[in-house]
């Protein structure tokens, strides 16, 4: 997108620009903030993603009955591999990496196939499936050029909106205290979430320089402090965590067998769709053109990152949609911030105590900032759709895709009787809505009277 105006921002003599829609970006894709800013803004991304990163190994370890030593090793390896994948994706190494502010981590898409494989082949089977299955994404990354023709603004806007809308229930659960909490929906939880939300909004809108850019992090810190007198900070897990740990490469063994790969193939296809949607969303909110080459490099990085994750002893990595909301909210699109987040995640992977300290962040604090972040993503998708001619055909595509995507999110039991492969493919509201939008865009032809 052409830059039409620039002016001095003030802090660190940083230049920011206005695009044709008068939306300011404090730091663009290739702008490099000061080291202090990179660390602070990187921490925001870590806080936003950390819960999602660690919950997958927790769930799988619990279901498969792994002992505490194995669970701890999995947790550290998951954090380390998320940092490594984020670093590769954001910095770029040769043809690998989209070179945008994209945070990576393991995803719930891989929970069901991991449990299915782990119940028969154990952890070695999961690691083998992770490494071999990653080749699916590597191959798909070279087919992005024809695939990108399937993602016009109509589909992109719908997918971006879905990312925000389908994540909003997650933030609401966080704000209420977390699913399964005996204090779910308590006045204290909601009050804390609203305090964090208001602090974030006020600082982001009226703060200057660092205060505005780090509004999410400051809001979280304020919420953290508010939670202390209510006894909501439990340091037990921090005390019990070991101080230093290293990844145990193939220490549990690995099974390379096509039988273990089959359940992972649909999951990797879903991950590819999600990564394309995420990268397109990042392009939209970062005011940068994500062409097929960048998208292909991003999907390739997704596959390479997953392969490395299997080698390090953990589950596949993919792009984290919740972090997309930080970009328009903080007006920071710098990939150097994501690179710093990746470096810090790698460091945290070696120091479980620090990881545990972040992990005890009370759920209502995450909920307060999550509502703003995910709502911002949905609004960005609506903005893209506002530039599309919403004739009868396009309106039907948007309505059906959003309806099914959001519907599956709220009523996942709707697909409960489907075969396992199809259930995995449509388990996510994002993947469901994206697939529906892609198919309808192909089969519903434009009438001559509807073409501008």
Foldseek 3Di string as FASTA:
>chain_A
DDFDDWDQAPVVSQIWTAHPVRQIFSAFAARDDPPVLLQLLLVLLCLLCLQFQQVLLVVLCVLLVPDPVLSLLQRLLQLQLQLVLLLCQQVPDVLAHLNWQFGKGDHPLCNVLLNVQCNPPNLQLQLLLLQVLLVLLLVVLVVLQVVVVLCDLLLLLLLLLLLLLLCLVVLLCLLQFHPPDPSGNPPVSVVLLQQLLVQLVCQLVPNGDSSNLSSLVVSLVVSQVVCVVVVLFDLVQLVPRDFFDAQDFCPVHHDNDVVSNVLCNLSLVLLLLVQLSQVSLLCLLSVHDCDSSSSSSNSNSQSVSSNVSSRSRYGGMGTDNLSSLSCSSSSHTYSSSSSSSSVVSSVCSGGVSVSVNSVSRTSSSSSSVSNNSSVSSSVSSVVSCVPPPCDPLSVVLSVVLSCQLNVCSVVVCVCVPPPPSVSSQPNHSSSSSSVSSSVSVVPVDDDPVRDD
